[in-house]
PDB file of N, CA and C in Angstrom:
ATOM      1  N   UNK A   1      13.999 -18.654  28.571  1.00  0.00           N
ATOM      2  CA  UNK A   1      12.936 -17.733  28.153  1.00  0.00           C
ATOM      3  C   UNK A   1      13.444 -16.697  27.150  1.00  0.00           C
ATOM      4  N   UNK A   2      14.702 -16.299  27.303  1.00  0.00           N
ATOM      5  CA  UNK A   2      15.242 -15.240  26.434  1.00  0.00           C
ATOM      6  C   UNK A   2      15.525 -15.733  25.010  1.00  0.00           C
ATOM      7  N   UNK A   3      15.961 -16.976  24.861  1.00  0.00           N
ATOM      8  CA  UNK A   3      16.347 -17.514  23.550  1.00  0.00           C
ATOM      9  C   UNK A   3      15.210 -17.410  22.521  1.00  0.00           C
ATOM     10  N   UNK A   4      13.975 -17.844  22.848  1.00  0.00           N
ATOM     11  CA  UNK A   4      12.896 -17.747  21.850  1.00  0.00           C
ATOM     12  C   UNK A   4      12.632 -16.304  21.410  1.00  0.00           C
ATOM     13  N   UNK A   5      12.708 -15.356  22.352  1.00  0.00           N
ATOM     14  CA  UNK A   5      12.494 -13.941  22.013  1.00  0.00           C
ATOM     15  C   UNK A   5      13.543 -13.458  21.013  1.00  0.00           C
ATOM     16  N   UNK A   6      14.798 -13.819  21.252  1.00  0.00           N
ATOM     17  CA  UNK A   6      15.901 -13.427  20.367  1.00  0.00           C
ATOM     18  C   UNK A   6      15.669 -14.034  18.974  1.00  0.00           C
ATOM     19  N   UNK A   7      15.288 -15.316  18.948  1.00  0.00           N
ATOM     20  CA  UNK A   7      15.001 -15.990  17.674  1.00  0.00           C
ATOM     21  C   UNK A   7      13.855 -15.286  16.951  1.00  0.00           C
ATOM     22  N   UNK A   8      12.806 -14.952  17.706  1.00  0.00           N
ATOM     23  CA  UNK A   8      11.650 -14.261  17.129  1.00  0.00           C
ATOM     24  C   UNK A   8      12.072 -12.931  16.518  1.00  0.00           C
ATOM     25  N   UNK A   9      12.896 -12.175  17.244  1.00  0.00           N
ATOM     26  CA  UNK A   9      13.388 -10.889  16.729  1.00  0.00           C
ATOM     27  C   UNK A   9      14.190 -11.095  15.451  1.00  0.00           C
ATOM     28  N   UNK A  10      15.074 -12.090  15.453  1.00  0.00           N
ATOM     29  CA  UNK A  10      15.897 -12.390  14.281  1.00  0.00           C
ATOM     30  C   UNK A  10      15.032 -12.718  13.078  1.00  0.00           C
ATOM     31  N   UNK A  11      14.014 -13.557  13.286  1.00  0.00           N
ATOM     32  CA  UNK A  11      13.114 -13.937  12.197  1.00  0.00           C
ATOM     33  C   UNK A  11      12.346 -12.718  11.699  1.00  0.00           C
ATOM     34  N   UNK A  12      11.888 -11.868  12.655  1.00  0.00           N
ATOM     35  CA  UNK A  12      11.153 -10.661  12.288  1.00  0.00           C
ATOM     36  C   UNK A  12      11.997  -9.744  11.426  1.00  0.00           C
ATOM     37  N   UNK A  13      13.247  -9.525  11.828  1.00  0.00           N
ATOM     38  CA  UNK A  13      14.161  -8.669  11.061  1.00  0.00           C
ATOM     39  C   UNK A  13      14.410  -9.287   9.683  1.00  0.00           C
ATOM     40  N   UNK A  14      14.622 -10.598   9.659  1.00  0.00           N
ATOM     41  CA  UNK A  14      14.849 -11.298   8.387  1.00  0.00           C
ATOM     42  C   UNK A  14      13.665 -11.127   7.454  1.00  0.00           C
ATOM     43  N   UNK A  15      12.451 -11.283   7.985  1.00  0.00           N
ATOM     44  CA  UNK A  15      11.240 -11.131   7.176  1.00  0.00           C
ATOM     45  C   UNK A  15      11.110  -9.696   6.671  1.00  0.00           C
ATOM     46  N   UNK A  16      11.414  -8.733   7.545  1.00  0.00           N
ATOM     47  CA  UNK A  16      11.327  -7.312   7.163  1.00  0.00           C
ATOM     48  C   UNK A  16      12.279  -7.025   6.006  1.00  0.00           C
ATOM     49  N   UNK A  17      13.511  -7.526   6.108  1.00  0.00           N
ATOM     50  CA  UNK A  17      14.510  -7.336   5.040  1.00  0.00           C
ATOM     51  C   UNK A  17      14.014  -8.004   3.757  1.00  0.00           C
ATOM     52  N   UNK A  18      13.472  -9.225   3.902  1.00  0.00           N
ATOM     53  CA  UNK A  18      12.967  -9.972   2.739  1.00  0.00           C
ATOM     54  C   UNK A  18      11.859  -9.186   2.056  1.00  0.00           C
ATOM     55  N   UNK A  19      10.867  -8.722   2.838  1.00  0.00           N
ATOM     56  CA  UNK A  19       9.754  -7.945   2.267  1.00  0.00           C
ATOM     57  C   UNK A  19      10.261  -6.646   1.669  1.00  0.00           C
ATOM     58  N   UNK A  20      11.252  -6.011   2.326  1.00  0.00           N
ATOM     59  CA  UNK A  20      11.853  -4.786   1.787  1.00  0.00           C
ATOM     60  C   UNK A  20      12.444  -5.045   0.414  1.00  0.00           C
ATOM     61  N   UNK A  21      13.169  -6.151   0.271  1.00  0.00           N
ATOM     62  CA  UNK A  21      13.769  -6.513  -1.020  1.00  0.00           C
ATOM     63  C   UNK A  21      12.700  -6.782  -2.070  1.00  0.00           C
ATOM     64  N   UNK A  22      11.626  -7.484  -1.669  1.00  0.00           N
ATOM     65  CA  UNK A  22      10.531  -7.794  -2.601  1.00  0.00           C
ATOM     66  C   UNK A  22       9.872  -6.506  -3.073  1.00  0.00           C
ATOM     67  N   UNK A  23       9.590  -5.590  -2.133  1.00  0.00           N
ATOM     68  CA  UNK A  23       8.944  -4.313  -2.470  1.00  0.00           C
ATOM     69  C   UNK A  23       9.847  -3.497  -3.399  1.00  0.00           C
ATOM     70  N   UNK A  24      11.146  -3.423  -3.068  1.00  0.00           N
ATOM     71  CA  UNK A  24      12.111  -2.681  -3.906  1.00  0.00           C
ATOM     72  C   UNK A  24      12.149  -3.270  -5.311  1.00  0.00           C
ATOM     73  N   UNK A  25      12.170  -4.610  -5.395  1.00  0.00           N
ATOM     74  CA  UNK A  25      12.194  -5.295  -6.703  1.00  0.00           C
ATOM     75  C   UNK A  25      10.940  -4.976  -7.500  1.00  0.00           C
ATOM     76  N   UNK A  26       9.770  -5.025  -6.838  1.00  0.00           N
ATOM     77  CA  UNK A  26       8.498  -4.733  -7.513  1.00  0.00           C
ATOM     78  C   UNK A  26       8.478  -3.287  -8.001  1.00  0.00           C
ATOM     79  N   UNK A  27       8.895  -2.355  -7.144  1.00  0.00           N
ATOM     80  CA  UNK A  27       8.911  -0.928  -7.506  1.00  0.00           C
ATOM     81  C   UNK A  27       9.861  -0.700  -8.683  1.00  0.00           C
ATOM     82  N   UNK A  28      11.054  -1.297  -8.619  1.00  0.00           N
ATOM     83  CA  UNK A  28      12.034  -1.157  -9.700  1.00  0.00           C
ATOM     84  C   UNK A  28      11.471  -1.731 -11.000  1.00  0.00           C
ATOM     85  N   UNK A  29      10.800  -2.876 -10.901  1.00  0.00           N
ATOM     86  CA  UNK A  29      10.185  -3.513 -12.074  1.00  0.00           C
ATOM     87  C   UNK A  29       9.105  -2.626 -12.677  1.00  0.00           C
ATOM     88  N   UNK A  30       8.249  -2.078 -11.812  1.00  0.00           N
ATOM     89  CA  UNK A  30       7.169  -1.198 -12.282  1.00  0.00           C
ATOM     90  C   UNK A  30       7.741   0.058 -12.933  1.00  0.00           C
ATOM     91  N   UNK A  31       8.793   0.629 -12.324  1.00  0.00           N
ATOM     92  CA  UNK A  31       9.445   1.816 -12.900  1.00  0.00           C
ATOM     93  C   UNK A  31      10.042   1.477 -14.262  1.00  0.00           C
ATOM     94  N   UNK A  32      10.673   0.325 -14.361  1.00  0.00           N
ATOM     95  CA  UNK A  32      11.258  -0.128 -15.627  1.00  0.00           C
ATOM     96  C   UNK A  32      10.193  -0.270 -16.707  1.00  0.00           C
ATOM     97  N   UNK A  33       9.062  -0.901 -16.346  1.00  0.00           N
ATOM     98  CA  UNK A  33       7.948  -1.075 -17.291  1.00  0.00           C
ATOM     99  C   UNK A  33       7.413   0.289 -17.712  1.00  0.00           C
ATOM    100  N   UNK A  34       7.237   1.205 -16.740  1.00  0.00           N
ATOM    101  CA  UNK A  34       6.724   2.550 -17.022  1.00  0.00           C
ATOM    102  C   UNK A  34       7.648   3.276 -18.000  1.00  0.00           C
ATOM    103  N   UNK A  35       8.953   3.176 -17.775  1.00  0.00           N
ATOM    104  CA  UNK A  35       9.938   3.830 -18.653  1.00  0.00           C
ATOM    105  C   UNK A  35       9.839   3.267 -20.068  1.00  0.00           C
ATOM    106  N   UNK A  36       9.736   1.934 -20.181  1.00  0.00           N
ATOM    107  CA  UNK A  36       9.634   1.284 -21.497  1.00  0.00           C
ATOM    108  C   UNK A  36       8.356   1.723 -22.203  1.00  0.00           C
ATOM    109  N   UNK A  37       7.225   1.705 -21.478  1.00  0.00           N
ATOM    110  CA  UNK A  37       5.931   2.101 -22.055  1.00  0.00           C
ATOM    111  C   UNK A  37       5.980   3.551 -22.518  1.00  0.00           C
ATOM    112  N   UNK A  38       6.511   4.440 -21.668  1.00  0.00           N
ATOM    113  CA  UNK A  38       6.626   5.862 -22.031  1.00  0.00           C
ATOM    114  C   UNK A  38       7.541   6.027 -23.242  1.00  0.00           C
ATOM    115  N   UNK A  39       8.620   5.262 -23.288  1.00  0.00           N
ATOM    116  CA  UNK A  39       9.542   5.317 -24.427  1.00  0.00           C
ATOM    117  C   UNK A  39       8.861   4.894 -25.713  1.00  0.00           C
ATOM    118  N   UNK A  40       8.073   3.810 -25.664  1.00  0.00           N
ATOM    119  CA  UNK A  40       7.347   3.319 -26.847  1.00  0.00           C
ATOM    120  C   UNK A  40       6.323   4.368 -27.298  1.00  0.00           C
ATOM    121  N   UNK A  41       5.565   4.922 -26.326  1.00  0.00           N
ATOM    122  CA  UNK A  41       4.561   5.958 -26.648  1.00  0.00           C
ATOM    123  C   UNK A  41       5.258   7.166 -27.280  1.00  0.00           C
ATOM    124  N   UNK A  42       6.393   7.548 -26.712  1.00  0.00           N
ATOM    125  CA  UNK A  42       7.167   8.668 -27.247  1.00  0.00           C
ATOM    126  C   UNK A  42       7.621   8.410 -28.665  1.00  0.00           C
ATOM    127  N   UNK A  43       8.109   7.219 -28.948  1.00  0.00           N
ATOM    128  CA  UNK A  43       8.572   6.851 -30.284  1.00  0.00           C
ATOM    129  C   UNK A  43       7.415   6.864 -31.271  1.00  0.00           C
ATOM    130  N   UNK A  44       6.247   6.325 -30.860  1.00  0.00           N
ATOM    131  CA  UNK A  44       5.067   6.274 -31.734  1.00  0.00           C
ATOM    132  C   UNK A  44       4.602   7.691 -32.062  1.00  0.00           C
ATOM    133  N   UNK A  45       4.494   8.547 -31.013  1.00  0.00           N
ATOM    134  CA  UNK A  45       4.042   9.936 -31.231  1.00  0.00           C
ATOM    135  C   UNK A  45       5.058  10.681 -32.116  1.00  0.00           C
ATOM    136  N   UNK A  46       6.344  10.422 -31.882  1.00  0.00           N
ATOM    137  CA  UNK A  46       7.418  11.056 -32.671  1.00  0.00           C
ATOM    138  C   UNK A  46       7.306  10.637 -34.130  1.00  0.00           C
ATOM    139  N   UNK A  47       7.079   9.326 -34.368  1.00  0.00           N
ATOM    140  CA  UNK A  47       6.939   8.793 -35.729  1.00  0.00           C
ATOM    141  C   UNK A  47       5.713   9.384 -36.412  1.00  0.00           C
ATOM    142  N   UNK A  48       4.608   9.521 -35.663  1.00  0.00           N
ATOM    143  CA  UNK A  48       3.375  10.075 -36.230  1.00  0.00           C
ATOM    144  C   UNK A  48       3.548  11.541 -36.629  1.00  0.00           C
ATOM    145  N   UNK A  49       4.291  12.296 -35.796  1.00  0.00           N
ATOM    146  CA  UNK A  49       4.533  13.718 -36.093  1.00  0.00           C
ATOM    147  C   UNK A  49       5.349  13.876 -37.376  1.00  0.00           C
ATOM    148  N   UNK A  50       6.293  12.968 -37.605  1.00  0.00           N
ATOM    149  CA  UNK A  50       7.165  13.053 -38.783  1.00  0.00           C
ATOM    150  C   UNK A  50       6.458  12.692 -40.074  1.00  0.00           C
ATOM    151  N   UNK A  51       5.388  11.880 -39.986  1.00  0.00           N
ATOM    152  CA  UNK A  51       4.705  11.430 -41.213  1.00  0.00           C
ATOM    153  C   UNK A  51       3.941  12.566 -41.888  1.00  0.00           C
TER     154      UNK A  51
END
């Protein structure tokens, strides 16, 4: 009876770690995109001010 519970816990922890990694990757990706977009907007506004 105990073995299936232990396996279930192991799988649950594994899934939690997996989802944690996926969420971290998505957040990092979104932050990266935001930084790039802000950088491009900054460059465009900077170029427009100089003209």
